[in-house]
Structure formats: C-alpha cells, structure tokens
Amino acid sequence: MKYEELMSNFSWDKVVKSFDWNVEERFNMAHECCDKWADDPKRVAFYWEDEAGSTDVWTYKRLKEESNRLANAFTALGIRKGDRVGGLSGKDMELILTVLATWKIGAIYVPMFTAFGPEALKYRLQDSGCKILVTNQEQAKKIENEEINSELLLIDGVTKEGLTFWEFVGLFSNEHETEPTSINDPSVIQYTSGSTGLPKGAVWSHKILISSYPYLRYAIGISDDDMFFGGADLGWAFGLMNCTLCPLNFGISILVYKGPFNVEKYYHLLEKYKVTNFAYAPTAYRMMMASGSDLVKQHNFHIKKLTSAGEPLNAEVVRFFKDHFGREIYDHYGSTETGMIVNNYNVTDMAVKPGSMGLPSPGFTIALLDEDGNPVKDGDAGQIVVDTTAFPYFFLGYWQDSEKTAEKIKGKWFYSGDLASKDDDGYFWFQGRADDIISSAGYRIGPFEVESSLIEHPAVAEAAVIGKPDPTKGEIVKAYVVLKPGFEGTDTLGAELSAFVKNKLSKHQYPREVEFVEELPKTPSGKIQRFILKQANMQTTN
C-alpha cells in the first residue's frame, strides 16, 4: 500500500464502527481491550515470562474474570468513579489487572515508574490524590517514612486481615458490569516532566484508544495474526498504551517480559515466542547492533515489523537491521499529550529515510508553526502543533492545572514544544525541543526536578541541568553546580551528587556528569539560561 492511498482511504467513521460499543452512547477501554474478546476461551492475551524463566499464559477470558474480581475488590475498598488508582511495580500481571479494573469502575489510573525515588513518588501520589496504590514490598519501602494518604495494596504482601493479594481478590465475584463511561471521561493521569516547574499530570480520556487506532494498525502495523512484543515499561505512556493495553483492542497475543534488557535474552524471547512485531526504544536497538551480526545468525526470527520511538534513529542502526533482519526499523514520533502523530508506516511501501520521523498520521491535523503562529517554509524549523478541534484530540488538560494547560494551547492549536522541519517529500525531521527537556534512552527528563534535588545537598548553592549528546542514550543528564563556601569541586563530590539524586529521584534522572562552575548564566529576572550552557557544552565537546 502507498502512503497516499492510506491517507485517502482513511475514515474515522470506519474506525469508530470497528469498536464493540456504540461510541456515541458509551465507551470504556477495559471492555474494548479485554471483555469483548473473552467469549473465546482459547484466545490468548498475554504470554508472560520473567528473568528466572517462570512463565504464565493469560487468555482474554481469564483476564476478564480476574480484572472483574479486582474491580469488585476496589469497589469494596471504597473506590468510585473518578477516584485515582496508582500502579507501581515491574511487568507483573497484577499491574495490568489493576489498569483494567480501574477502568471497569470508571476510576482513573495513575502509572508510576519503579526507578522513582521517595520524593518523585510522594509528589505524584499527593498531586493526583491517589486513593489506593497497588505496589510491592520493595517499592513500598521507599515511601514508608513519607506522609502518604494513599492506601497500599501489596501484590506480594498481605492485607490487614492477613490475606495475600490473590486470596483477597479471590473473595470477590468474577462477574462485574463495566462502568458505561463516555469517550470523553478521564482514564489516565500520565505525569510528564517540563523544563520549568514540577511534573504535570496529563489527563487522557477513554478516546485515546480510538485515537491510537491508526498508529497501531498502520504505523506499528498490527495485523490480526501478530505475536507482538513491546519492551517499554508500563510506567511510561508508550509502554502502557502502545506496547500493552491498546494492542489488545485487536484481540492479538502479546509477550510481556519482566526483566532487564539483555540482547541475548531478548533474542531468545523473540525466537521462542515467534514474535512477528517488535517495538522498543532506540537505545535497545543500538545495543542489539553493538552485539554484532554473529549473535543474530544464531537465531531463527519471525519478525515482520520493527518499531522505534523516543528519539531519532541514526542511519547505521537502520542499515544493520535491514541487512541482518531483512527489515528496516520504522521510526515514530509522538508526545504524551498528542499521541503518535508523525510516523513511518509498516503497512506501506514508503521509503524509510533514516533519521526522519516520517509522515503525518491519518486522521490527524498537524502543522509546523513559528513563534507568531504562522506556517514555516519547507526546510525551516517550526514547532509541531496539533488541532484541538479535530476528532482524535483526547487530551483533557493537566490535572488541576488550568494555567499550564492554557499555556500550551493558542487558538485551535496545541503546541507540543518540539521543533521539526519538513523536506520536499513531506517527511518530518526532528530538530530539538523548544524547551529544555532532556531525552535520554527514550525517557523525557525535566531539569527542574533534578535541579531541585541537587540543591537539597548541603554542598550545593545552585544547579542547572542540561542534556549532553551521547552516542548510546541520545543524551545524558549533565549538571552544572555552584558550590557553597567551604566546599571543593572534586571528582569524589561529583560522584556523591550523582548518587544523591539517583537515590532521591530515579535511576534514569541522575546526572552522569557534574561540572563545577563559579556562577550560572541568568536572565535579568534571575531565570537560568540553560541554552547558554548547552552552547558552551557543544563548543567544549567539539
């Protein structure tokens, strides 16, 4: 299929009719992603495996029944429509059940990342007003000394009555009537970092499943007979929705692996489960290339489609997969608030231009605008904007922050904060961020949270954080630190500061490089000018 044919034949009316419920009357992602497929007792939803080699198989029927039990358990615990339910664990099936059960009662799911430290977790729990947090003992220890209002339900612990998670859930019926939410009811609060201020809770409506249809069907290229494997963590938007929940809408089987990324292990999984459709971050693909072609030759793969998202892929990686897997990696672009809107499409015969984000998604209206809101010429950089009046727009604003929401919307356009240019063929090319977001190994890291953590160290007077180019991770976090009198900027202190942030925030946010400076560049009003630090860093690097 040609891209032009895909665009001309696309219709939201056809997409809407593909769902089980009449979306004009009611729409709930839990029903569309799980329950509608449960009548077939043999249809497999998940193949689950962990690092130790333990395995489990979850049919849609089993998924429906156990998520029904958990939904009834949540109701018994006082969770109601509109309440917030947090999830914090690795790739456990209990976590996936938590998401489905939350939606089934009309509550709002709040994903969290296991690498977060006490402060990051406390902020998200308090800001969202989570009524309950489903987690494990390891994660619970991080917040045991914090004033948290959320009730904890441990998947590997016991309740107040001495029951294990499964004993407690087993008390309840496997029959449950899913809340008939609308497409515009809130479903998820996904926290996203900005360059200023604390992380913002982006609220998605249930419509996100409909809006994601063209991305999943055409860009990732999901077919009805696919065996799909997406490696991203469920604490992040891409892992939660595009790698786990949304693909279920097509009734396919998905591999879920609980364990760290290891090239040999992933090759083993790809072969063992005959994965046909694979999606992961550029860092993983770079590591696979670095492991060499000999390792590839030791396996018999069935992969037909490869997807990458998070940051641009370089040409060398794309060529490696074309040469050794017989398939180019199709790069995709999106954001927490917009969904995946510029992509290379696995179902088309479009030419893949390594480094390019691709072409606009069917059904979306996007543009590249300058600072005055005017379209830029081809070849010039403009900010990527999305039409908020068009059907697929699912973003309900930032949780309890109308001011921040208003800052991102001008007229009918939502401003993504990312810059891109367009070539003569209509392909988009990522140019950078309009703000100071750091993109490291697919993670979006806001400097403010890292800087705030650094300043809490007794030796630090001021701190500024930027992204430093890195061949493996895309960028690493680099900190510029002004010390208080009496402290000396040594390598030992630099390592101490990195560990300090790592323990307080997360394993992906800490500065991997610390440079001590006498002062930081600032505007007359006192705002740190990070772009000056970026420029100085580039000059030093070159």
Protein backbone atom coordinates (compact mmCIF):
# COMPACT_ATOMS: atom_id res chain seq x y z
CA MET A 1 0.00 0.00 0.00
CA LYS A 2 1.19 3.51 -0.76
CA TYR A 3 1.09 6.21 1.91
CA GLU A 4 -1.11 8.38 -0.31
CA GLU A 5 -3.59 5.53 -0.61
CA LEU A 6 -3.60 5.07 3.16
CA MET A 7 -4.38 8.75 3.68
CA SER A 8 -7.12 8.97 1.06
CA ASN A 9 -8.93 5.84 2.24
CA PHE A 10 -8.79 6.63 5.96
CA SER A 11 -12.08 7.39 7.71
CA TRP A 12 -12.76 7.97 11.40
CA ASP A 13 -16.32 6.75 10.79
CA LYS A 14 -14.95 3.36 9.75
CA VAL A 15 -12.64 3.27 12.77
CA VAL A 16 -15.44 4.12 15.19
CA LYS A 17 -17.63 1.35 13.78
CA SER A 18 -14.87 -1.20 14.41
CA PHE A 19 -15.42 -0.98 18.17
CA ASP A 20 -17.85 -3.17 20.08
CA TRP A 21 -19.84 -0.50 21.88
CA ASN A 22 -21.63 2.40 20.19
CA VAL A 23 -19.14 5.15 20.97
CA GLU A 24 -21.80 7.84 20.79
CA GLU A 25 -23.53 6.26 23.78
CA ARG A 26 -20.71 4.74 25.87
CA PHE A 27 -17.07 3.75 25.62
CA ASN A 28 -14.75 2.03 28.08
CA MET A 29 -11.24 0.86 27.23
CA ALA A 30 -11.46 -2.15 29.56
CA HIS A 31 -14.35 -3.55 27.56
CA GLU A 32 -12.76 -2.92 24.17
CA CYS A 33 -9.28 -4.17 25.18
CA CYS A 34 -10.39 -7.22 27.13
CA ASP A 35 -14.00 -8.22 27.65
CA LYS A 36 -15.17 -8.21 24.03
CA TRP A 37 -12.68 -10.99 23.23
CA ALA A 38 -13.38 -13.13 26.31
CA ASP A 39 -16.11 -15.32 24.77
CA ASP A 40 -13.39 -17.34 23.06
CA PRO A 41 -11.84 -19.33 25.95
CA LYS A 42 -8.74 -20.21 23.92
CA ARG A 43 -7.82 -16.74 22.69
CA VAL A 44 -4.52 -15.78 24.39
CA ALA A 45 -3.99 -12.20 25.52
CA PHE A 46 -0.59 -12.49 27.22
CA TYR A 47 2.36 -14.81 27.34
CA TRP A 48 4.23 -13.78 30.47
CA GLU A 49 7.81 -14.65 31.39
CA ASP A 50 10.27 -13.33 33.98
CA GLU A 51 14.04 -13.20 34.24
CA ALA A 52 14.18 -16.54 36.07
CA GLY A 53 12.31 -18.28 33.27
CA SER A 54 8.96 -18.63 35.06
CA THR A 55 6.08 -18.47 32.58
CA ASP A 56 2.32 -18.00 32.55
CA VAL A 57 -0.41 -17.79 29.91
CA TRP A 58 -3.38 -15.43 30.21
CA THR A 59 -6.39 -15.86 27.96
CA TYR A 60 -8.78 -12.96 27.45
CA LYS A 61 -11.34 -14.95 29.44
CA ARG A 62 -9.01 -15.26 32.42
CA LEU A 63 -8.03 -11.60 32.07
CA LYS A 64 -11.68 -10.56 32.14
CA GLU A 65 -12.60 -12.69 35.14
CA GLU A 66 -9.63 -11.68 37.30
CA SER A 67 -9.94 -7.99 36.44
CA ASN A 68 -13.64 -8.27 37.32
CA ARG A 69 -12.69 -9.67 40.74
CA LEU A 70 -10.22 -6.84 41.29
CA ALA A 71 -12.80 -4.27 40.17
CA ASN A 72 -15.20 -5.64 42.77
CA ALA A 73 -12.39 -5.56 45.34
CA PHE A 74 -11.69 -1.90 44.54
CA THR A 75 -15.39 -1.12 44.98
CA ALA A 76 -15.35 -2.86 48.36
CA LEU A 77 -12.38 -0.69 49.33
CA GLY A 78 -14.42 2.42 48.57
CA ILE A 79 -13.02 3.27 45.13
CA ARG A 80 -15.60 5.02 42.98
CA LYS A 81 -15.91 6.54 39.51
CA GLY A 82 -13.45 9.42 39.16
CA ASP A 83 -11.17 8.26 42.01
CA ARG A 84 -7.48 7.78 41.26
CA VAL A 85 -5.72 4.41 41.48
CA GLY A 86 -1.93 4.24 41.29
CA GLY A 87 0.13 1.36 39.95
CA LEU A 88 3.80 0.80 40.82
CA SER A 89 5.60 -2.45 40.03
CA GLY A 90 7.54 -4.19 37.30
CA LYS A 91 5.83 -6.02 34.46
CA ASP A 92 3.59 -8.04 36.72
CA MET A 93 0.20 -9.30 35.57
CA GLU A 94 -1.23 -7.82 38.75
CA LEU A 95 -0.31 -4.40 37.39
CA ILE A 96 -2.12 -4.99 34.09
CA LEU A 97 -5.17 -6.24 36.01
CA THR A 98 -5.03 -3.07 38.09
CA VAL A 99 -5.31 -0.90 34.99
CA LEU A 100 -8.27 -2.85 33.60
CA ALA A 101 -10.04 -2.99 36.98
CA THR A 102 -9.56 0.75 37.45
CA TRP A 103 -11.23 1.48 34.12
CA LYS A 104 -14.02 -1.01 34.78
CA ILE A 105 -15.26 1.01 37.76
CA GLY A 106 -14.78 4.32 35.94
CA ALA A 107 -11.78 5.33 38.06
CA ILE A 108 -8.60 6.98 36.75
CA TYR A 109 -5.30 5.11 36.53
CA VAL A 110 -2.02 6.81 37.58
CA PRO A 111 1.07 4.97 36.25
CA MET A 112 4.36 5.25 38.14
CA PHE A 113 7.89 4.13 37.37
CA THR A 114 9.78 1.70 39.59
CA ALA A 115 13.01 3.71 39.32
CA PHE A 116 11.37 6.69 41.02
CA GLY A 117 12.64 7.61 44.47
CA PRO A 118 10.62 8.71 47.53
CA GLU A 119 10.17 12.36 46.53
CA ALA A 120 9.08 11.61 42.97
CA LEU A 121 6.53 9.05 44.21
CA LYS A 122 5.22 11.24 47.01
CA TYR A 123 4.66 14.17 44.68
CA ARG A 124 2.67 12.13 42.16
CA LEU A 125 0.58 10.40 44.81
CA GLN A 126 -0.28 13.65 46.55
CA ASP A 127 -0.82 15.74 43.43
CA SER A 128 -3.19 13.20 41.87
CA GLY A 129 -4.87 12.37 45.17
CA CYS A 130 -4.45 8.63 44.69
CA LYS A 131 -6.90 6.78 46.91
CA ILE A 132 -5.02 3.50 46.61
CA LEU A 133 -1.61 2.39 45.33
CA VAL A 134 -1.14 -1.15 44.06
CA THR A 135 2.53 -1.94 44.51
CA ASN A 136 5.03 -4.40 46.02
CA GLN A 137 7.06 -4.52 49.21
CA GLU A 138 10.26 -3.25 47.58
CA GLN A 139 8.56 -0.14 46.24
CA ALA A 140 6.51 0.41 49.38
CA LYS A 141 9.70 0.72 51.44
CA LYS A 142 10.57 3.89 49.52
CA ILE A 143 7.59 5.74 50.97
CA GLU A 144 7.24 4.09 54.38
CA ASN A 145 8.60 7.20 56.10
CA GLU A 146 6.62 9.64 53.97
CA GLU A 147 3.24 11.12 54.82
CA ILE A 148 1.16 9.38 52.18
CA ASN A 149 -2.63 9.38 52.21
CA SER A 150 -2.94 6.55 49.71
CA GLU A 151 -3.91 3.09 50.96
CA LEU A 152 -1.43 0.41 49.86
CA LEU A 153 -2.37 -2.92 48.32
CA LEU A 154 0.71 -5.13 48.04
CA ILE A 155 0.85 -7.76 45.31
CA ASP A 156 3.49 -9.70 47.27
CA GLY A 157 2.35 -8.88 50.80
CA VAL A 158 -0.70 -9.32 52.99
CA THR A 159 -3.73 -7.18 53.82
CA LYS A 160 -4.68 -6.01 57.32
CA GLU A 161 -6.62 -9.25 57.62
CA GLY A 162 -3.54 -11.31 56.77
CA LEU A 163 -4.65 -12.25 53.26
CA THR A 164 -2.32 -12.39 50.27
CA PHE A 165 -3.21 -10.31 47.21
CA TRP A 166 -4.73 -13.28 45.41
CA GLU A 167 -6.55 -14.54 48.50
CA PHE A 168 -8.08 -11.09 48.91
CA VAL A 169 -9.06 -10.76 45.24
CA GLY A 170 -10.43 -14.31 45.29
CA LEU A 171 -13.07 -13.26 47.82
CA PHE A 172 -14.94 -11.40 45.12
CA SER A 173 -17.14 -12.43 42.21
CA ASN A 174 -15.74 -12.75 38.69
CA GLU A 175 -18.90 -11.07 37.42
CA HIS A 176 -18.84 -7.29 37.04
CA GLU A 177 -20.74 -4.77 34.96
CA THR A 178 -18.25 -2.33 33.43
CA GLU A 179 -19.00 1.33 34.05
CA PRO A 180 -20.51 2.83 30.85
CA THR A 181 -18.10 5.75 30.63
CA SER A 182 -18.08 8.10 27.65
CA ILE A 183 -15.23 8.68 25.21
CA ASN A 184 -14.52 11.98 26.98
CA ASP A 185 -14.38 10.63 30.52
CA PRO A 186 -10.87 10.65 32.08
CA SER A 187 -8.99 7.34 32.07
CA VAL A 188 -5.32 8.02 32.88
CA ILE A 189 -3.18 10.70 34.51
CA GLN A 190 0.28 10.33 32.97
CA TYR A 191 2.87 12.58 34.60
CA THR A 192 5.20 14.30 32.18
CA SER A 193 8.21 16.44 33.01
CA GLY A 194 8.61 20.02 31.85
CA SER A 195 11.60 22.35 31.77
CA THR A 196 10.12 24.55 34.48
CA GLY A 197 8.06 23.58 37.49
CA LEU A 198 7.23 20.16 38.80
CA PRO A 199 5.89 17.30 36.62
CA LYS A 200 2.40 17.85 35.21
CA GLY A 201 -0.33 15.23 35.19
CA ALA A 202 -1.56 14.89 31.60
CA VAL A 203 -5.15 13.61 31.66
CA TRP A 204 -6.28 11.30 28.86
CA SER A 205 -9.85 10.47 28.02
CA HIS A 206 -11.02 6.98 27.05
CA LYS A 207 -10.97 8.30 23.48
CA ILE A 208 -7.21 7.70 23.41
CA LEU A 209 -7.90 4.10 22.38
CA ILE A 210 -9.83 5.28 19.31
CA SER A 211 -7.27 7.96 18.51
CA SER A 212 -4.46 5.38 18.73
CA TYR A 213 -6.08 3.12 16.13
CA PRO A 214 -4.27 4.50 13.05
CA TYR A 215 -0.93 4.40 14.85
CA LEU A 216 -1.31 0.79 15.96
CA ARG A 217 -2.88 -0.55 12.77
CA TYR A 218 -0.77 1.33 10.22
CA ALA A 219 2.45 2.58 11.84
CA ILE A 220 3.22 -0.33 14.17
CA GLY A 221 1.31 -2.33 11.62
CA ILE A 222 -0.57 -4.71 13.88
CA SER A 223 -2.29 -7.49 11.96
CA ASP A 224 -4.83 -9.91 13.38
CA ASP A 225 -2.34 -12.80 13.45
CA ASP A 226 0.56 -10.91 15.05
CA MET A 227 2.58 -12.04 18.03
CA PHE A 228 3.52 -8.66 19.48
CA PHE A 229 6.34 -7.74 21.86
CA GLY A 230 6.88 -4.20 23.12
CA GLY A 231 9.72 -3.72 25.57
CA ALA A 232 8.86 -0.34 27.11
CA ASP A 233 7.99 -0.06 30.80
CA LEU A 234 4.34 0.31 31.85
CA GLY A 235 5.23 3.38 33.91
CA TRP A 236 5.51 5.36 30.67
CA ALA A 237 2.94 6.30 28.06
CA PHE A 238 4.40 4.25 25.21
CA GLY A 239 4.81 1.13 27.32
CA LEU A 240 1.41 1.37 29.00
CA MET A 241 -0.70 2.14 25.96
CA ASN A 242 1.12 1.27 22.73
CA CYS A 243 3.02 -1.78 23.97
CA THR A 244 0.43 -3.32 26.29
CA LEU A 245 -3.18 -2.13 26.54
CA CYS A 246 -4.05 -0.66 23.14
CA PRO A 247 -2.85 -3.66 21.07
CA LEU A 248 -5.34 -5.83 22.97
CA ASN A 249 -8.10 -3.98 21.13
CA PHE A 250 -7.20 -6.11 18.10
CA GLY A 251 -7.51 -9.39 20.02
CA ILE A 252 -3.88 -10.38 19.41
CA SER A 253 -1.38 -12.14 21.68
CA ILE A 254 1.29 -10.08 23.44
CA LEU A 255 4.53 -11.12 25.10
CA VAL A 256 5.25 -9.48 28.46
CA TYR A 257 8.76 -9.93 29.84
CA LYS A 258 9.61 -8.97 33.41
CA GLY A 259 13.35 -8.49 33.48
CA PRO A 260 16.15 -6.12 32.45
CA PHE A 261 17.06 -5.62 28.82
CA ASN A 262 19.73 -8.04 27.69
CA VAL A 263 20.40 -8.61 24.00
CA GLU A 264 20.89 -12.39 24.22
CA LYS A 265 17.78 -12.80 26.40
CA TYR A 266 15.66 -10.70 24.04
CA TYR A 267 16.89 -12.65 21.02
CA HIS A 268 15.93 -15.83 22.86
CA LEU A 269 12.44 -14.45 23.58
CA LEU A 270 11.93 -13.24 20.02
CA GLU A 271 12.74 -16.71 18.71
CA LYS A 272 10.96 -18.74 21.41
CA TYR A 273 7.64 -16.94 21.08
CA LYS A 274 7.91 -16.44 17.30
CA VAL A 275 7.44 -12.70 17.67
CA THR A 276 6.31 -11.10 14.39
CA ASN A 277 6.02 -7.48 15.55
CA PHE A 278 8.61 -5.86 17.85
CA ALA A 279 8.72 -2.36 19.35
CA TYR A 280 11.35 -0.79 21.59
CA ALA A 281 13.42 2.33 22.23
CA PRO A 282 16.45 3.35 20.12
CA THR A 283 18.83 2.51 22.97
CA ALA A 284 17.83 -1.16 22.77
CA TYR A 285 18.30 -1.26 19.01
CA ARG A 286 21.74 0.35 19.34
CA MET A 287 22.72 -2.28 21.90
CA MET A 288 21.50 -5.05 19.58
CA MET A 289 23.63 -3.66 16.77
CA ALA A 290 26.63 -3.36 19.10
CA SER A 291 26.33 -7.09 19.90
CA GLY A 292 27.17 -7.81 16.29
CA SER A 293 25.87 -9.89 13.41
CA ASP A 294 27.25 -13.25 14.64
CA LEU A 295 24.75 -13.31 17.50
CA VAL A 296 21.89 -12.61 15.10
CA LYS A 297 22.89 -15.61 12.96
CA GLN A 298 22.47 -17.95 15.95
CA HIS A 299 18.71 -17.41 15.97
CA ASN A 300 15.74 -18.04 13.74
CA PHE A 301 13.50 -14.98 13.82
CA HIS A 302 9.95 -14.45 12.50
CA ILE A 303 9.92 -10.65 12.74
CA LYS A 304 7.98 -8.84 10.02
CA LYS A 305 7.71 -5.38 11.57
CA LEU A 306 10.07 -3.26 13.70
CA THR A 307 9.12 -0.08 15.54
CA SER A 308 11.15 2.56 17.38
CA ALA A 309 10.03 5.65 19.29
CA GLY A 310 11.51 8.12 21.75
CA GLU A 311 14.30 9.75 19.76
CA PRO A 312 15.64 9.69 16.18
CA LEU A 313 17.49 6.59 14.99
CA ASN A 314 20.78 7.01 13.14
CA ALA A 315 21.27 5.52 9.69
CA GLU A 316 23.82 2.94 10.85
CA VAL A 317 21.30 1.20 13.13
CA VAL A 318 18.60 1.18 10.44
CA ARG A 319 21.01 -0.34 7.93
CA PHE A 320 22.12 -3.04 10.40
CA PHE A 321 18.56 -4.29 10.85
CA LYS A 322 17.84 -4.08 7.15
CA ASP A 323 20.96 -6.17 6.44
CA HIS A 324 20.58 -8.74 9.25
CA PHE A 325 16.83 -8.91 9.96
CA GLY A 326 15.67 -8.14 6.44
CA ARG A 327 13.58 -5.27 7.75
CA GLU A 328 14.19 -1.60 8.38
CA ILE A 329 13.21 -0.10 11.73
CA TYR A 330 10.23 2.21 11.34
CA ASP A 331 10.74 5.30 13.47
CA HIS A 332 7.78 7.08 15.10
CA TYR A 333 7.13 10.37 16.88
CA GLY A 334 4.58 11.46 19.43
CA SER A 335 4.13 13.08 22.82
CA THR A 336 2.20 12.38 26.00
CA GLU A 337 -0.46 14.96 25.15
CA THR A 338 -0.85 14.29 21.42
CA GLY A 339 -0.33 10.59 20.88
CA MET A 340 1.77 9.27 17.99
CA ILE A 341 1.26 11.75 15.18
CA VAL A 342 4.22 11.54 12.74
CA ASN A 343 5.37 8.07 11.71
CA ASN A 344 6.89 5.69 9.24
CA TYR A 345 4.16 3.18 8.38
CA ASN A 346 4.91 -0.54 8.45
CA VAL A 347 1.88 -1.36 6.28
CA THR A 348 3.04 0.87 3.41
CA ASP A 349 5.85 0.66 0.88
CA MET A 350 7.03 4.17 1.78
CA ALA A 351 10.76 4.80 1.65
CA VAL A 352 12.38 4.96 5.07
CA LYS A 353 14.69 7.94 5.38
CA PRO A 354 16.96 7.16 8.37
CA GLY A 355 16.70 9.95 10.93
CA SER A 356 13.30 11.12 9.72
CA MET A 357 10.20 10.98 11.92
CA GLY A 358 8.20 10.09 8.83
CA LEU A 359 4.87 11.44 7.63
CA PRO A 360 1.72 12.72 9.40
CA SER A 361 -0.71 10.17 10.81
CA PRO A 362 -4.02 9.53 9.02
CA GLY A 363 -6.89 11.38 10.67
CA PHE A 364 -4.73 13.97 12.46
CA THR A 365 -4.32 17.64 11.58
CA ILE A 366 -0.83 18.87 12.41
CA ALA A 367 1.33 21.78 11.31
CA LEU A 368 4.73 23.41 11.85
CA LEU A 369 4.35 26.97 13.11
CA ASP A 370 6.76 29.76 14.01
CA GLU A 371 6.66 31.82 17.22
CA ASP A 372 3.97 34.06 15.73
CA GLY A 373 1.73 31.15 14.81
CA ASN A 374 2.49 31.24 11.08
CA PRO A 375 3.33 28.16 8.99
CA VAL A 376 7.06 27.81 8.29
CA LYS A 377 8.54 27.19 4.87
CA ASP A 378 9.75 23.69 3.95
CA GLY A 379 13.22 23.22 5.37
CA ASP A 380 12.72 25.70 8.22
CA ALA A 381 12.20 24.60 11.82
CA GLY A 382 8.79 25.15 13.38
CA GLN A 383 7.01 23.91 16.45
CA ILE A 384 4.86 20.81 15.97
CA VAL A 385 1.23 21.67 16.72
CA VAL A 386 -1.95 19.58 16.74
CA ASP A 387 -5.51 20.70 16.02
CA THR A 388 -7.51 20.51 19.24
CA THR A 389 -10.84 20.77 17.38
CA ALA A 390 -10.25 17.63 15.31
CA PHE A 391 -11.86 14.32 16.29
CA PRO A 392 -8.80 12.41 17.58
CA TYR A 393 -7.82 15.02 20.20
CA PHE A 394 -8.07 13.14 23.53
CA PHE A 395 -6.04 15.34 25.93
CA LEU A 396 -8.24 16.76 28.72
CA GLY A 397 -5.60 19.11 30.14
CA TYR A 398 -3.17 18.93 33.04
CA TRP A 399 -4.57 17.63 36.31
CA GLN A 400 -5.87 20.56 38.38
CA ASP A 401 -3.67 23.00 36.46
CA SER A 402 -5.73 25.04 34.02
CA GLU A 403 -2.99 27.67 33.81
CA LYS A 404 -0.39 25.21 32.48
CA THR A 405 -2.99 23.78 30.11
CA ALA A 406 -3.79 27.22 28.71
CA GLU A 407 -0.10 27.93 28.14
CA LYS A 408 0.08 25.04 25.68
CA ILE A 409 -2.97 26.00 23.61
CA LYS A 410 -3.13 29.00 21.30
CA GLY A 411 -6.25 29.30 19.21
CA LYS A 412 -7.10 25.82 17.99
CA TRP A 413 -3.52 24.54 18.22
CA PHE A 414 -1.86 22.53 20.96
CA TYR A 415 1.87 23.32 20.98
CA SER A 416 3.96 20.21 21.55
CA GLY A 417 7.15 22.08 22.47
CA ASP A 418 9.11 20.06 19.89
CA LEU A 419 10.70 21.54 16.78
CA ALA A 420 10.81 19.88 13.38
CA SER A 421 11.32 20.72 9.73
CA LYS A 422 9.74 19.24 6.61
CA ASP A 423 11.56 18.30 3.41
CA ASP A 424 10.31 18.48 -0.18
CA ASP A 425 8.79 14.98 0.07
CA GLY A 426 6.76 15.91 3.15
CA TYR A 427 8.95 13.94 5.59
CA PHE A 428 9.37 15.48 9.04
CA TRP A 429 12.79 15.82 10.71
CA PHE A 430 13.19 16.36 14.45
CA GLN A 431 15.23 19.49 15.23
CA GLY A 432 15.16 19.72 19.01
CA ARG A 433 12.97 20.89 21.85
CA ALA A 434 11.53 24.33 22.23
CA ASP A 435 12.09 23.95 25.96
CA ASP A 436 14.86 22.19 27.82
CA ILE A 437 13.54 18.65 28.08
CA ILE A 438 16.29 16.03 28.13
CA SER A 439 15.68 12.87 26.11
CA SER A 440 17.78 10.02 27.48
CA ALA A 441 17.28 6.43 26.32
CA GLY A 442 13.67 7.26 25.46
CA TYR A 443 12.92 8.93 28.80
CA ARG A 444 11.84 12.57 28.92
CA ILE A 445 13.58 14.23 31.85
CA GLY A 446 12.69 17.69 33.12
CA PRO A 447 15.69 19.62 34.50
CA PHE A 448 13.75 21.35 37.27
CA GLU A 449 13.12 18.18 39.30
CA VAL A 450 16.79 17.16 39.07
CA GLU A 451 17.98 20.66 39.94
CA SER A 452 15.63 20.80 42.94
CA SER A 453 17.07 17.53 44.19
CA LEU A 454 20.66 18.70 43.77
CA ILE A 455 20.02 21.89 45.70
CA GLU A 456 18.96 19.85 48.72
CA HIS A 457 22.54 18.59 49.07
CA PRO A 458 24.37 20.60 51.76
CA ALA A 459 27.25 21.45 49.42
CA VAL A 460 25.13 22.87 46.58
CA ALA A 461 24.21 26.53 46.27
CA GLU A 462 22.80 26.46 42.74
CA ALA A 463 22.40 23.91 39.96
CA ALA A 464 21.40 23.78 36.31
CA VAL A 465 20.84 20.64 34.27
CA ILE A 466 21.05 20.10 30.51
CA GLY A 467 21.14 17.21 28.09
CA LYS A 468 24.58 16.34 26.74
CA PRO A 469 24.71 14.41 23.43
CA ASP A 470 25.55 10.73 23.94
CA PRO A 471 26.04 8.10 21.20
CA THR A 472 24.18 5.38 23.12
CA LYS A 473 21.43 7.13 25.07
CA GLY A 474 20.86 10.08 22.76
CA GLU A 475 21.51 12.42 25.68
CA ILE A 476 22.75 12.09 29.23
CA VAL A 477 21.96 14.38 32.13
CA LYS A 478 24.76 16.85 32.81
CA ALA A 479 24.69 19.11 35.86
CA TYR A 480 26.40 22.47 36.32
CA VAL A 481 26.83 23.09 40.05
CA VAL A 482 27.73 26.19 42.07
CA LEU A 483 29.04 25.14 45.49
CA LYS A 484 28.53 26.80 48.82
CA PRO A 485 31.60 28.36 50.52
CA GLY A 486 33.87 25.82 52.15
CA PHE A 487 33.27 23.03 49.61
CA GLU A 488 35.66 21.96 46.88
CA GLY A 489 34.59 20.66 43.48
CA THR A 490 36.28 17.26 43.37
CA ASP A 491 35.54 14.10 41.42
CA THR A 492 34.51 12.49 44.69
CA LEU A 493 31.94 15.18 45.38
CA GLY A 494 30.66 14.93 41.81
CA ALA A 495 30.08 11.20 42.24
CA GLU A 496 28.40 11.86 45.58
CA LEU A 497 25.99 14.35 43.99
CA SER A 498 25.10 11.89 41.24
CA ALA A 499 24.35 9.17 43.80
CA PHE A 500 22.38 11.67 45.89
CA VAL A 501 19.99 12.41 43.02
CA LYS A 502 19.84 8.77 41.95
CA ASN A 503 18.63 7.73 45.41
CA LYS A 504 16.13 10.58 45.71
CA LEU A 505 14.60 10.57 42.23
CA SER A 506 15.33 7.65 39.93
CA LYS A 507 17.93 5.62 38.10
CA HIS A 508 17.38 7.45 34.82
CA GLN A 509 17.24 11.06 36.09
CA TYR A 510 20.53 11.40 37.92
CA PRO A 511 23.39 13.43 36.38
CA ARG A 512 26.02 11.21 34.83
CA GLU A 513 28.34 14.17 34.55
CA VAL A 514 28.84 17.03 37.03
CA GLU A 515 30.76 20.19 36.24
CA PHE A 516 31.51 22.73 38.97
CA VAL A 517 31.22 26.41 37.99
CA GLU A 518 31.53 29.78 39.73
CA GLU A 519 28.15 31.05 38.52
CA LEU A 520 25.26 30.19 36.22
CA PRO A 521 24.11 32.30 33.25
CA LYS A 522 20.82 34.03 34.05
CA THR A 523 18.33 36.48 32.63
CA PRO A 524 17.83 39.87 34.33
CA SER A 525 14.83 38.37 36.14
CA GLY A 526 17.00 35.56 37.52
CA LYS A 527 15.94 32.67 35.26
CA ILE A 528 18.71 30.24 34.39
CA GLN A 529 19.64 30.35 30.70
CA ARG A 530 20.21 26.68 30.00
CA PHE A 531 20.65 27.29 26.29
CA ILE A 532 23.90 29.14 27.05
CA LEU A 533 25.15 26.11 28.96
CA LYS A 534 24.16 23.90 26.03
CA GLN A 535 26.07 26.10 23.62
CA ALA A 536 29.16 26.12 25.87
CA ASN A 537 28.95 22.35 26.23
CA MET A 538 28.78 21.86 22.45
CA GLN A 539 31.82 24.09 21.95
CA THR A 540 33.74 22.15 24.58
CA THR A 541 32.72 18.84 23.01
CA ASN A 542 33.72 19.96 19.53
